[in-house]
Amino acid sequence: MRLLILGGTEFVGRAVAEAALARDWQVTVFHRGHHEPPAGVRVLHGDRTAPDGLAALTGTADATRWDVVVDTWSGAPSAVLAAARLLAGRAERYAYVSSRSVYAYPTPAGLTEDGPLVDGASADAGQLDYARDKRGGELAAEAAFGDRALLVRAGLILGPWENVGRLPWWLGRIARGGPVLAPGPHDNPLQYIDVRDLAEWTIDAAANGLGGAYNLVSPPGHSTMGELLEACVRATGAQAELRWTDPDTILAAGVEPWTQLPIWLPRGELHDMMHAGDVSKALAAGLRCRPVERTVSDTWAWLTSVGGEAPQRPDRPRLGLAPEAEAALLSA
């Protein structure tokens, strides 16, 4: 199989490239040259936001034709539209890595792919906000590829190569040891997708001719906040003491869920949106999710291999709770 990845050097794109290379696929990555691509790929350089920035993808030779395209773009939908239109006659299928953020808020627990979507999205729009940009990207992929477009509506993504700072922050904090503020309750359900499981499912689904939208996260009940943080303690081998703290106490102190305490959300509408989605369609289409223990231990192994400091996307803020704020809460 011949695969083109628009990106392919960081987090999701890199995981897709590694998964395809492991299957002996012919992999081409199209990127700006800011990061080192995986060994064994063919490289094309270009900036999709620049005039003629897609020129490297054009041509009549077999080298500019692919069985599957995977696009992870999260900016202006117009960039997806331009690439998809260019590739519609050069590729068989187009997999766009979207997000469950495309659903209209509030998103009730158990929402399927048929749920209501955000308003105001357009395939040819400039950059607006994350939800409308991702929905616009979906519309762009469908405009060019029709039912040959696969829309991968991922939820929380964790695993090696993470450049957002969620699981790496928890691993780094727990590795320092001592009392650790653990946001309760211990059994608070988590729904996420290991980036490698996302990659494997996406290339399988595209190769098998699937199209349309699929929610892609682990099944409800796959893990809990307690299991995640306890796995972090085991993976790091740290002398850390998890001090489980009531959500009301944390919120009363002005601590922000999701950003200051990454991954965690107290139960309620936001938690239902992120951690209670219906994934029966993806499960029926072959989704398999590795246990949280492996996601955490493999992420720690990768993090230590890069010196303990994860790369950081420049378009995302740094996450995590300041040590003095944690100390104040623990002492209280």
C-alpha atoms as a PDB file:
ATOM      1  CA  MET A   1       0.000   0.000   0.000  1.00  0.00           C
ATOM      2  CA  ARG A   2       1.150   3.538  -0.781  1.00  0.00           C
ATOM      3  CA  LEU A   3       0.448   6.040   1.987  1.00  0.00           C
ATOM      4  CA  LEU A   4       0.777   9.815   1.967  1.00  0.00           C
ATOM      5  CA  ILE A   5       0.757  11.616   5.314  1.00  0.00           C
ATOM      6  CA  LEU A   6       0.228  15.359   5.356  1.00  0.00           C
ATOM      7  CA  GLY A   7       2.508  15.952   8.316  1.00  0.00           C
ATOM      8  CA  GLY A   8       3.957  12.702   9.582  1.00  0.00           C
ATOM      9  CA  THR A   9       6.740  13.961  11.844  1.00  0.00           C
ATOM     10  CA  GLU A  10       4.954  14.629  15.159  1.00  0.00           C
ATOM     11  CA  PHE A  11       2.571  12.783  17.501  1.00  0.00           C
ATOM     12  CA  VAL A  12      -0.432  11.452  15.506  1.00  0.00           C
ATOM     13  CA  GLY A  13       1.191  11.753  12.088  1.00  0.00           C
ATOM     14  CA  ARG A  14       4.370  10.115  13.324  1.00  0.00           C
ATOM     15  CA  ALA A  15       2.427   7.235  14.891  1.00  0.00           C
ATOM     16  CA  VAL A  16       0.624   6.681  11.576  1.00  0.00           C
ATOM     17  CA  ALA A  17       3.953   6.647   9.735  1.00  0.00           C
ATOM     18  CA  GLU A  18       5.488   4.162  12.194  1.00  0.00           C
ATOM     19  CA  ALA A  19       2.441   1.872  11.998  1.00  0.00           C
ATOM     20  CA  ALA A  20       2.484   1.851   8.200  1.00  0.00           C
ATOM     21  CA  LEU A  21       6.247   1.286   8.007  1.00  0.00           C
ATOM     22  CA  ALA A  22       5.871  -1.709  10.318  1.00  0.00           C
ATOM     23  CA  ARG A  23       3.570  -3.202   7.667  1.00  0.00           C
ATOM     24  CA  ASP A  24       6.084  -2.542   4.889  1.00  0.00           C
ATOM     25  CA  TRP A  25       3.872   0.096   3.308  1.00  0.00           C
ATOM     26  CA  GLN A  26       5.475   2.695   1.058  1.00  0.00           C
ATOM     27  CA  VAL A  27       5.180   5.869   3.141  1.00  0.00           C
ATOM     28  CA  THR A  28       5.550   9.455   1.933  1.00  0.00           C
ATOM     29  CA  VAL A  29       5.450  12.367   4.362  1.00  0.00           C
ATOM     30  CA  PHE A  30       4.714  15.902   3.182  1.00  0.00           C
ATOM     31  CA  HIS A  31       5.889  18.525   5.677  1.00  0.00           C
ATOM     32  CA  ARG A  32       7.649  21.853   6.072  1.00  0.00           C
ATOM     33  CA  GLY A  33      10.956  20.387   7.213  1.00  0.00           C
ATOM     34  CA  HIS A  34      10.805  21.639  10.797  1.00  0.00           C
ATOM     35  CA  HIS A  35      11.107  18.161  12.362  1.00  0.00           C
ATOM     36  CA  GLU A  36      12.972  14.975  11.528  1.00  0.00           C
ATOM     37  CA  PRO A  37      10.697  12.373   9.896  1.00  0.00           C
ATOM     38  CA  PRO A  38      10.823   8.662  10.783  1.00  0.00           C
ATOM     39  CA  ALA A  39      13.559   6.658   9.114  1.00  0.00           C
ATOM     40  CA  GLY A  40      12.436   4.830   5.999  1.00  0.00           C
ATOM     41  CA  VAL A  41       9.916   7.339   4.636  1.00  0.00           C
ATOM     42  CA  ARG A  42      10.034   9.281   1.392  1.00  0.00           C
ATOM     43  CA  VAL A  43      10.003  13.018   2.077  1.00  0.00           C
ATOM     44  CA  LEU A  44       8.285  15.802   0.170  1.00  0.00           C
ATOM     45  CA  HIS A  45       8.635  19.373   1.399  1.00  0.00           C
ATOM     46  CA  GLY A  46       6.068  22.159   1.192  1.00  0.00           C
ATOM     47  CA  ASP A  47       3.969  24.587   3.197  1.00  0.00           C
ATOM     48  CA  ARG A  48       0.260  24.043   2.547  1.00  0.00           C
ATOM     49  CA  THR A  49      -0.534  27.583   3.695  1.00  0.00           C
ATOM     50  CA  ALA A  50       1.763  29.218   1.127  1.00  0.00           C
ATOM     51  CA  PRO A  51       1.029  30.001  -2.539  1.00  0.00           C
ATOM     52  CA  ASP A  52       1.983  26.933  -4.593  1.00  0.00           C
ATOM     53  CA  GLY A  53       2.851  25.235  -1.308  1.00  0.00           C
ATOM     54  CA  LEU A  54       1.390  21.922  -2.513  1.00  0.00           C
ATOM     55  CA  ALA A  55       3.485  21.791  -5.684  1.00  0.00           C
ATOM     56  CA  ALA A  56       5.515  18.810  -4.479  1.00  0.00           C
ATOM     57  CA  LEU A  57       2.329  16.692  -4.538  1.00  0.00           C
ATOM     58  CA  THR A  58       1.645  17.286  -8.212  1.00  0.00           C
ATOM     59  CA  GLY A  59       2.899  15.389 -11.223  1.00  0.00           C
ATOM     60  CA  THR A  60       1.962  12.523 -13.500  1.00  0.00           C
ATOM     61  CA  ALA A  61       4.448   9.951 -12.236  1.00  0.00           C
ATOM     62  CA  ASP A  62       3.420   6.997 -10.091  1.00  0.00           C
ATOM     63  CA  ALA A  63       5.367   8.601  -7.235  1.00  0.00           C
ATOM     64  CA  THR A  64       2.606  11.217  -6.868  1.00  0.00           C
ATOM     65  CA  ARG A  65      -0.222   8.691  -6.590  1.00  0.00           C
ATOM     66  CA  TRP A  66      -1.320   7.002  -3.372  1.00  0.00           C
ATOM     67  CA  ASP A  67      -3.793   4.450  -2.057  1.00  0.00           C
ATOM     68  CA  VAL A  68      -4.442   6.328   1.195  1.00  0.00           C
ATOM     69  CA  VAL A  69      -3.925   9.897   2.412  1.00  0.00           C
ATOM     70  CA  VAL A  70      -3.941  10.713   6.143  1.00  0.00           C
ATOM     71  CA  ASP A  71      -4.374  14.369   7.101  1.00  0.00           C
ATOM     72  CA  THR A  72      -4.055  15.597  10.718  1.00  0.00           C
ATOM     73  CA  TRP A  73      -4.485  19.333  10.039  1.00  0.00           C
ATOM     74  CA  SER A  74      -6.177  21.393  12.768  1.00  0.00           C
ATOM     75  CA  GLY A  75      -5.987  24.904  11.316  1.00  0.00           C
ATOM     76  CA  ALA A  76      -7.986  26.626   8.601  1.00  0.00           C
ATOM     77  CA  PRO A  77     -10.365  24.238   6.784  1.00  0.00           C
ATOM     78  CA  SER A  78      -9.455  25.912   3.494  1.00  0.00           C
ATOM     79  CA  ALA A  79      -6.043  24.239   3.712  1.00  0.00           C
ATOM     80  CA  VAL A  80      -7.726  20.820   3.911  1.00  0.00           C
ATOM     81  CA  LEU A  81      -9.960  21.728   0.967  1.00  0.00           C
ATOM     82  CA  ALA A  82      -7.016  22.740  -1.209  1.00  0.00           C
ATOM     83  CA  ALA A  83      -5.070  19.562  -0.441  1.00  0.00           C
ATOM     84  CA  ALA A  84      -8.071  17.255  -0.802  1.00  0.00           C
ATOM     85  CA  ARG A  85      -9.086  18.769  -4.134  1.00  0.00           C
ATOM     86  CA  LEU A  86      -5.549  18.410  -5.430  1.00  0.00           C
ATOM     87  CA  LEU A  87      -5.347  14.782  -4.297  1.00  0.00           C
ATOM     88  CA  ALA A  88      -8.866  13.651  -5.287  1.00  0.00           C
ATOM     89  CA  GLY A  89      -7.575  12.281  -8.580  1.00  0.00           C
ATOM     90  CA  ARG A  90      -4.280  11.054  -7.169  1.00  0.00           C
ATOM     91  CA  ALA A  91      -5.449   9.022  -4.166  1.00  0.00           C
ATOM     92  CA  GLU A  92      -8.105   6.410  -3.538  1.00  0.00           C
ATOM     93  CA  ARG A  93      -9.080   7.385   0.007  1.00  0.00           C
ATOM     94  CA  TYR A  94      -8.648  10.347   2.351  1.00  0.00           C
ATOM     95  CA  ALA A  95      -8.602   9.901   6.136  1.00  0.00           C
ATOM     96  CA  TYR A  96      -9.013  13.137   8.047  1.00  0.00           C
ATOM     97  CA  VAL A  97      -8.137  12.995  11.747  1.00  0.00           C
ATOM     98  CA  SER A  98     -10.889  15.108  13.240  1.00  0.00           C
ATOM     99  CA  SER A  99     -12.167  15.463  16.804  1.00  0.00           C
ATOM    100  CA  ARG A 100     -15.195  14.765  18.964  1.00  0.00           C
ATOM    101  CA  SER A 101     -15.155  18.526  19.543  1.00  0.00           C
ATOM    102  CA  VAL A 102     -17.205  18.823  16.343  1.00  0.00           C
ATOM    103  CA  TYR A 103     -20.358  17.940  18.301  1.00  0.00           C
ATOM    104  CA  ALA A 104     -22.573  20.764  19.521  1.00  0.00           C
ATOM    105  CA  TYR A 105     -22.221  21.553  23.224  1.00  0.00           C
ATOM    106  CA  PRO A 106     -23.527  20.289  25.575  1.00  0.00           C
ATOM    107  CA  THR A 107     -22.647  16.826  24.353  1.00  0.00           C
ATOM    108  CA  PRO A 108     -24.691  14.237  26.275  1.00  0.00           C
ATOM    109  CA  ALA A 109     -23.248  10.926  27.439  1.00  0.00           C
ATOM    110  CA  GLY A 110     -23.555   8.142  24.906  1.00  0.00           C
ATOM    111  CA  LEU A 111     -23.671  10.427  21.867  1.00  0.00           C
ATOM    112  CA  THR A 112     -23.217   8.584  18.561  1.00  0.00           C
ATOM    113  CA  GLU A 113     -21.838   9.865  15.266  1.00  0.00           C
ATOM    114  CA  ASP A 114     -25.339  11.058  14.337  1.00  0.00           C
ATOM    115  CA  GLY A 115     -25.392  13.681  17.096  1.00  0.00           C
ATOM    116  CA  PRO A 116     -25.824  17.419  16.384  1.00  0.00           C
ATOM    117  CA  LEU A 117     -22.720  19.233  15.136  1.00  0.00           C
ATOM    118  CA  VAL A 118     -21.339  22.722  15.718  1.00  0.00           C
ATOM    119  CA  ASP A 119     -22.809  25.558  13.682  1.00  0.00           C
ATOM    120  CA  GLY A 120     -20.876  27.960  11.501  1.00  0.00           C
ATOM    121  CA  ALA A 121     -18.333  25.560  10.001  1.00  0.00           C
ATOM    122  CA  SER A 122     -17.380  25.804   6.341  1.00  0.00           C
ATOM    123  CA  ALA A 123     -15.043  23.857   4.073  1.00  0.00           C
ATOM    124  CA  ASP A 124     -13.447  27.004   2.655  1.00  0.00           C
ATOM    125  CA  ALA A 125     -13.188  28.986   5.890  1.00  0.00           C
ATOM    126  CA  GLY A 126     -10.097  30.512   7.376  1.00  0.00           C
ATOM    127  CA  GLN A 127      -9.072  29.595  10.908  1.00  0.00           C
ATOM    128  CA  LEU A 128     -11.863  30.209  13.448  1.00  0.00           C
ATOM    129  CA  ASP A 129     -11.784  27.984  16.534  1.00  0.00           C
ATOM    130  CA  TYR A 130     -10.847  24.361  17.131  1.00  0.00           C
ATOM    131  CA  ALA A 131     -14.362  22.901  16.909  1.00  0.00           C
ATOM    132  CA  ARG A 132     -15.379  24.755  13.742  1.00  0.00           C
ATOM    133  CA  ASP A 133     -11.960  24.237  12.182  1.00  0.00           C
ATOM    134  CA  LYS A 134     -12.194  20.482  12.638  1.00  0.00           C
ATOM    135  CA  ARG A 135     -15.774  20.349  11.381  1.00  0.00           C
ATOM    136  CA  GLY A 136     -14.776  22.505   8.423  1.00  0.00           C
ATOM    137  CA  GLY A 137     -11.931  20.078   7.732  1.00  0.00           C
ATOM    138  CA  GLU A 138     -14.448  17.232   7.662  1.00  0.00           C
ATOM    139  CA  LEU A 139     -16.626  19.137   5.191  1.00  0.00           C
ATOM    140  CA  ALA A 140     -13.576  19.840   3.042  1.00  0.00           C
ATOM    141  CA  ALA A 141     -12.531  16.184   2.935  1.00  0.00           C
ATOM    142  CA  GLU A 142     -16.066  15.136   1.992  1.00  0.00           C
ATOM    143  CA  ALA A 143     -16.371  17.877  -0.625  1.00  0.00           C
ATOM    144  CA  ALA A 144     -13.382  16.466  -2.506  1.00  0.00           C
ATOM    145  CA  PHE A 145     -13.621  12.737  -1.766  1.00  0.00           C
ATOM    146  CA  GLY A 146     -17.305  12.117  -1.023  1.00  0.00           C
ATOM    147  CA  ASP A 147     -17.857   8.697   0.508  1.00  0.00           C
ATOM    148  CA  ARG A 148     -14.146   7.959   0.045  1.00  0.00           C
ATOM    149  CA  ALA A 149     -13.469  10.307   2.980  1.00  0.00           C
ATOM    150  CA  LEU A 150     -12.964   8.755   6.431  1.00  0.00           C
ATOM    151  CA  LEU A 151     -13.575  11.119   9.355  1.00  0.00           C
ATOM    152  CA  VAL A 152     -11.720   9.962  12.470  1.00  0.00           C
ATOM    153  CA  ARG A 153     -13.337  11.776  15.407  1.00  0.00           C
ATOM    154  CA  ALA A 154     -10.706  11.243  18.059  1.00  0.00           C
ATOM    155  CA  GLY A 155     -11.141  12.168  21.689  1.00  0.00           C
ATOM    156  CA  LEU A 156      -8.316  12.618  24.180  1.00  0.00           C
ATOM    157  CA  ILE A 157      -5.127  11.245  22.571  1.00  0.00           C
ATOM    158  CA  LEU A 158      -2.285   9.952  24.749  1.00  0.00           C
ATOM    159  CA  GLY A 159       0.899   8.000  24.162  1.00  0.00           C
ATOM    160  CA  PRO A 160       4.490   8.320  22.956  1.00  0.00           C
ATOM    161  CA  TRP A 161       5.449  11.462  20.958  1.00  0.00           C
ATOM    162  CA  GLU A 162       2.791  13.526  22.729  1.00  0.00           C
ATOM    163  CA  ASN A 163       3.476  17.221  22.111  1.00  0.00           C
ATOM    164  CA  VAL A 164       0.495  18.671  23.998  1.00  0.00           C
ATOM    165  CA  GLY A 165       1.765  18.009  27.514  1.00  0.00           C
ATOM    166  CA  ARG A 166      -0.978  16.041  29.257  1.00  0.00           C
ATOM    167  CA  LEU A 167       0.403  12.631  30.166  1.00  0.00           C
ATOM    168  CA  PRO A 168       4.034  13.895  30.075  1.00  0.00           C
ATOM    169  CA  TRP A 169       3.152  16.466  32.746  1.00  0.00           C
ATOM    170  CA  TRP A 170       1.716  13.835  35.076  1.00  0.00           C
ATOM    171  CA  LEU A 171       4.698  11.557  34.514  1.00  0.00           C
ATOM    172  CA  GLY A 172       7.126  14.393  35.195  1.00  0.00           C
ATOM    173  CA  ARG A 173       5.275  15.491  38.308  1.00  0.00           C
ATOM    174  CA  ILE A 174       5.031  12.008  39.766  1.00  0.00           C
ATOM    175  CA  ALA A 175       8.671  11.283  38.915  1.00  0.00           C
ATOM    176  CA  ARG A 176       9.672  14.142  41.257  1.00  0.00           C
ATOM    177  CA  GLY A 177       8.066  12.180  44.094  1.00  0.00           C
ATOM    178  CA  GLY A 178       6.604  13.311  47.383  1.00  0.00           C
ATOM    179  CA  PRO A 179       2.933  14.069  48.045  1.00  0.00           C
ATOM    180  CA  VAL A 180       1.039  14.501  44.761  1.00  0.00           C
ATOM    181  CA  LEU A 181      -2.334  16.204  44.466  1.00  0.00           C
ATOM    182  CA  ALA A 182      -4.547  13.542  42.873  1.00  0.00           C
ATOM    183  CA  PRO A 183      -7.906  14.907  41.659  1.00  0.00           C
ATOM    184  CA  GLY A 184     -10.767  12.666  42.693  1.00  0.00           C
ATOM    185  CA  PRO A 185     -12.715  10.636  42.680  1.00  0.00           C
ATOM    186  CA  HIS A 186     -10.348   7.699  42.282  1.00  0.00           C
ATOM    187  CA  ASP A 187     -12.871   5.851  40.094  1.00  0.00           C
ATOM    188  CA  ASN A 188     -13.605   8.820  37.799  1.00  0.00           C
ATOM    189  CA  PRO A 189     -13.948   7.189  34.323  1.00  0.00           C
ATOM    190  CA  LEU A 190     -11.516   8.097  31.542  1.00  0.00           C
ATOM    191  CA  GLN A 191     -12.041   7.684  27.820  1.00  0.00           C
ATOM    192  CA  TYR A 192      -8.984   8.263  25.630  1.00  0.00           C
ATOM    193  CA  ILE A 193      -7.203   6.708  22.674  1.00  0.00           C
ATOM    194  CA  ASP A 194      -3.585   5.586  22.604  1.00  0.00           C
ATOM    195  CA  VAL A 195      -2.054   7.314  19.577  1.00  0.00           C
ATOM    196  CA  ARG A 196      -0.780   3.968  18.265  1.00  0.00           C
ATOM    197  CA  ASP A 197      -4.248   2.407  18.476  1.00  0.00           C
ATOM    198  CA  LEU A 198      -5.599   5.428  16.599  1.00  0.00           C
ATOM    199  CA  ALA A 199      -2.932   4.974  13.942  1.00  0.00           C
ATOM    200  CA  GLU A 200      -3.508   1.244  13.507  1.00  0.00           C
ATOM    201  CA  TRP A 201      -7.278   1.616  13.294  1.00  0.00           C
ATOM    202  CA  THR A 202      -7.083   4.525  10.854  1.00  0.00           C
ATOM    203  CA  ILE A 203      -4.855   2.826   8.306  1.00  0.00           C
ATOM    204  CA  ASP A 204      -6.822  -0.418   8.630  1.00  0.00           C
ATOM    205  CA  ALA A 205     -10.134   1.375   8.123  1.00  0.00           C
ATOM    206  CA  ALA A 206      -8.899   3.378   5.153  1.00  0.00           C
ATOM    207  CA  ALA A 207      -7.286   0.349   3.525  1.00  0.00           C
ATOM    208  CA  ASN A 208     -10.543  -1.566   3.980  1.00  0.00           C
ATOM    209  CA  GLY A 209     -12.526   1.151   2.235  1.00  0.00           C
ATOM    210  CA  LEU A 210     -14.422   2.584   5.194  1.00  0.00           C
ATOM    211  CA  GLY A 211     -15.869   6.074   4.904  1.00  0.00           C
ATOM    212  CA  GLY A 212     -17.912   8.457   6.989  1.00  0.00           C
ATOM    213  CA  ALA A 213     -17.558   9.474  10.627  1.00  0.00           C
ATOM    214  CA  TYR A 214     -16.314   7.304  13.498  1.00  0.00           C
ATOM    215  CA  ASN A 215     -15.875   8.244  17.148  1.00  0.00           C
ATOM    216  CA  LEU A 216     -12.437   6.985  18.117  1.00  0.00           C
ATOM    217  CA  VAL A 217     -11.697   6.658  21.815  1.00  0.00           C
ATOM    218  CA  SER A 218     -11.507   3.739  24.182  1.00  0.00           C
ATOM    219  CA  PRO A 219     -14.771   2.144  25.308  1.00  0.00           C
ATOM    220  CA  PRO A 220     -16.517   3.602  28.378  1.00  0.00           C
ATOM    221  CA  GLY A 221     -14.958   2.160  31.506  1.00  0.00           C
ATOM    222  CA  HIS A 222     -11.628   1.390  29.801  1.00  0.00           C
ATOM    223  CA  SER A 223      -9.768   3.144  32.614  1.00  0.00           C
ATOM    224  CA  THR A 224     -10.097   5.584  35.508  1.00  0.00           C
ATOM    225  CA  MET A 225      -8.141   8.532  36.846  1.00  0.00           C
ATOM    226  CA  GLY A 226      -6.956   6.320  39.671  1.00  0.00           C
ATOM    227  CA  GLU A 227      -5.645   3.628  37.355  1.00  0.00           C
ATOM    228  CA  LEU A 228      -3.865   6.215  35.205  1.00  0.00           C
ATOM    229  CA  LEU A 229      -2.033   7.912  38.063  1.00  0.00           C
ATOM    230  CA  GLU A 230      -1.184   4.642  39.792  1.00  0.00           C
ATOM    231  CA  ALA A 231       0.285   3.430  36.490  1.00  0.00           C
ATOM    232  CA  CYS A 232       2.390   6.613  36.432  1.00  0.00           C
ATOM    233  CA  VAL A 233       3.754   5.787  39.892  1.00  0.00           C
ATOM    234  CA  ARG A 234       4.674   2.263  38.814  1.00  0.00           C
ATOM    235  CA  ALA A 235       6.196   3.350  35.489  1.00  0.00           C
ATOM    236  CA  THR A 236       8.430   6.010  37.017  1.00  0.00           C
ATOM    237  CA  GLY A 237       9.332   3.994  40.122  1.00  0.00           C
ATOM    238  CA  ALA A 238       9.025   7.224  42.083  1.00  0.00           C
ATOM    239  CA  GLN A 239       8.526   7.555  45.823  1.00  0.00           C
ATOM    240  CA  ALA A 240       5.288   9.412  45.231  1.00  0.00           C
ATOM    241  CA  GLU A 241       2.210   9.504  47.456  1.00  0.00           C
ATOM    242  CA  LEU A 242      -1.065  10.134  45.637  1.00  0.00           C
ATOM    243  CA  ARG A 243      -3.280  12.256  47.874  1.00  0.00           C
ATOM    244  CA  TRP A 244      -6.802  11.945  46.515  1.00  0.00           C
ATOM    245  CA  THR A 245      -8.651  15.219  46.865  1.00  0.00           C
ATOM    246  CA  ASP A 246     -12.344  15.999  46.527  1.00  0.00           C
ATOM    247  CA  PRO A 247     -13.231  17.869  43.299  1.00  0.00           C
ATOM    248  CA  ASP A 248     -15.100  20.600  45.197  1.00  0.00           C
ATOM    249  CA  THR A 249     -11.978  21.392  47.210  1.00  0.00           C
ATOM    250  CA  ILE A 250      -9.898  21.663  44.037  1.00  0.00           C
ATOM    251  CA  LEU A 251     -12.426  23.841  42.230  1.00  0.00           C
ATOM    252  CA  ALA A 252     -12.921  26.104  45.258  1.00  0.00           C
ATOM    253  CA  ALA A 253      -9.188  26.818  45.192  1.00  0.00           C
ATOM    254  CA  GLY A 254      -9.517  28.143  41.645  1.00  0.00           C
ATOM    255  CA  VAL A 255      -7.630  25.270  40.006  1.00  0.00           C
ATOM    256  CA  GLU A 256      -8.629  24.750  36.372  1.00  0.00           C
ATOM    257  CA  PRO A 257      -9.511  21.182  35.316  1.00  0.00           C
ATOM    258  CA  TRP A 258      -7.979  19.962  32.037  1.00  0.00           C
ATOM    259  CA  THR A 259      -5.334  22.701  31.873  1.00  0.00           C
ATOM    260  CA  GLN A 260      -3.802  22.949  35.353  1.00  0.00           C
ATOM    261  CA  LEU A 261      -4.634  19.328  36.110  1.00  0.00           C
ATOM    262  CA  PRO A 262      -4.344  17.764  32.650  1.00  0.00           C
ATOM    263  CA  ILE A 263      -6.729  14.972  31.600  1.00  0.00           C
ATOM    264  CA  TRP A 264      -8.915  15.412  34.704  1.00  0.00           C
ATOM    265  CA  LEU A 265     -12.455  16.732  34.542  1.00  0.00           C
ATOM    266  CA  PRO A 266     -14.956  16.663  37.431  1.00  0.00           C
ATOM    267  CA  ARG A 267     -18.148  14.818  36.669  1.00  0.00           C
ATOM    268  CA  GLY A 268     -20.703  16.871  34.777  1.00  0.00           C
ATOM    269  CA  GLU A 269     -21.358  18.095  31.238  1.00  0.00           C
ATOM    270  CA  LEU A 270     -17.693  18.540  30.273  1.00  0.00           C
ATOM    271  CA  HIS A 271     -16.815  15.125  31.661  1.00  0.00           C
ATOM    272  CA  ASP A 272     -19.661  13.527  29.705  1.00  0.00           C
ATOM    273  CA  MET A 273     -18.449  15.249  26.542  1.00  0.00           C
ATOM    274  CA  MET A 274     -14.892  13.943  26.900  1.00  0.00           C
ATOM    275  CA  HIS A 275     -15.265  10.642  28.718  1.00  0.00           C
ATOM    276  CA  ALA A 276     -18.676   9.156  27.912  1.00  0.00           C
ATOM    277  CA  GLY A 277     -18.897   8.869  24.141  1.00  0.00           C
ATOM    278  CA  ASP A 278     -20.388   5.977  22.190  1.00  0.00           C
ATOM    279  CA  VAL A 279     -17.719   4.072  20.240  1.00  0.00           C
ATOM    280  CA  SER A 280     -19.700   0.998  19.255  1.00  0.00           C
ATOM    281  CA  LYS A 281     -19.323   1.808  15.553  1.00  0.00           C
ATOM    282  CA  ALA A 282     -15.516   1.885  15.746  1.00  0.00           C
ATOM    283  CA  LEU A 283     -15.413  -1.242  17.910  1.00  0.00           C
ATOM    284  CA  ALA A 284     -17.498  -3.080  15.312  1.00  0.00           C
ATOM    285  CA  ALA A 285     -14.994  -1.868  12.705  1.00  0.00           C
ATOM    286  CA  GLY A 286     -12.046  -3.410  14.539  1.00  0.00           C
ATOM    287  CA  LEU A 287     -10.925  -0.883  17.154  1.00  0.00           C
ATOM    288  CA  ARG A 288      -8.726  -2.467  19.804  1.00  0.00           C
ATOM    289  CA  CYS A 289      -7.341  -0.519  22.758  1.00  0.00           C
ATOM    290  CA  ARG A 290      -4.251  -1.467  24.745  1.00  0.00           C
ATOM    291  CA  PRO A 291      -4.430  -1.227  28.555  1.00  0.00           C
ATOM    292  CA  VAL A 292      -3.594   2.013  30.324  1.00  0.00           C
ATOM    293  CA  GLU A 293      -0.534   0.380  31.910  1.00  0.00           C
ATOM    294  CA  ARG A 294       1.096   0.012  28.473  1.00  0.00           C
ATOM    295  CA  THR A 295       0.200   3.515  27.339  1.00  0.00           C
ATOM    296  CA  VAL A 296       1.734   4.990  30.483  1.00  0.00           C
ATOM    297  CA  SER A 297       4.857   2.809  30.605  1.00  0.00           C
ATOM    298  CA  ASP A 298       5.617   3.266  26.906  1.00  0.00           C
ATOM    299  CA  THR A 299       5.138   7.022  27.176  1.00  0.00           C
ATOM    300  CA  TRP A 300       7.533   7.114  30.123  1.00  0.00           C
ATOM    301  CA  ALA A 301      10.094   5.072  28.195  1.00  0.00           C
ATOM    302  CA  TRP A 302       9.845   7.483  25.263  1.00  0.00           C
ATOM    303  CA  LEU A 303       9.976  10.528  27.542  1.00  0.00           C
ATOM    304  CA  THR A 304      13.165   9.352  29.238  1.00  0.00           C
ATOM    305  CA  SER A 305      14.665   8.562  25.816  1.00  0.00           C
ATOM    306  CA  VAL A 306      14.295  12.239  24.824  1.00  0.00           C
ATOM    307  CA  GLY A 307      15.821  13.562  28.042  1.00  0.00           C
ATOM    308  CA  GLY A 308      12.654  13.814  30.124  1.00  0.00           C
ATOM    309  CA  GLU A 309      11.305  16.917  28.384  1.00  0.00           C
ATOM    310  CA  ALA A 310       8.481  16.376  25.900  1.00  0.00           C
ATOM    311  CA  PRO A 311       8.285  18.527  22.755  1.00  0.00           C
ATOM    312  CA  GLN A 312       5.693  21.286  22.928  1.00  0.00           C
ATOM    313  CA  ARG A 313       3.401  22.401  20.136  1.00  0.00           C
ATOM    314  CA  PRO A 314       3.863  26.158  19.682  1.00  0.00           C
ATOM    315  CA  ASP A 315       0.121  26.670  19.156  1.00  0.00           C
ATOM    316  CA  ARG A 316      -0.842  25.094  22.486  1.00  0.00           C
ATOM    317  CA  PRO A 317      -0.289  26.545  25.984  1.00  0.00           C
ATOM    318  CA  ARG A 318       1.882  24.741  28.493  1.00  0.00           C
ATOM    319  CA  LEU A 319      -0.179  22.713  30.935  1.00  0.00           C
ATOM    320  CA  GLY A 320       0.169  21.849  34.594  1.00  0.00           C
ATOM    321  CA  LEU A 321      -0.262  23.080  38.140  1.00  0.00           C
ATOM    322  CA  ALA A 322       2.416  25.327  39.632  1.00  0.00           C
ATOM    323  CA  PRO A 323       4.282  23.680  42.544  1.00  0.00           C
ATOM    324  CA  GLU A 324       3.293  26.445  44.959  1.00  0.00           C
ATOM    325  CA  ALA A 325      -0.402  26.060  44.113  1.00  0.00           C
ATOM    326  CA  GLU A 326      -0.177  22.303  44.623  1.00  0.00           C
ATOM    327  CA  ALA A 327       1.643  22.754  47.932  1.00  0.00           C
ATOM    328  CA  ALA A 328      -0.995  25.187  49.175  1.00  0.00           C
ATOM    329  CA  LEU A 329      -3.805  22.764  48.384  1.00  0.00           C
ATOM    330  CA  LEU A 330      -1.991  19.841  49.967  1.00  0.00           C
ATOM    331  CA  SER A 331      -1.281  21.764  53.137  1.00  0.00           C
ATOM    332  CA  ALA A 332      -4.913  22.822  53.378  1.00  0.00           C
END
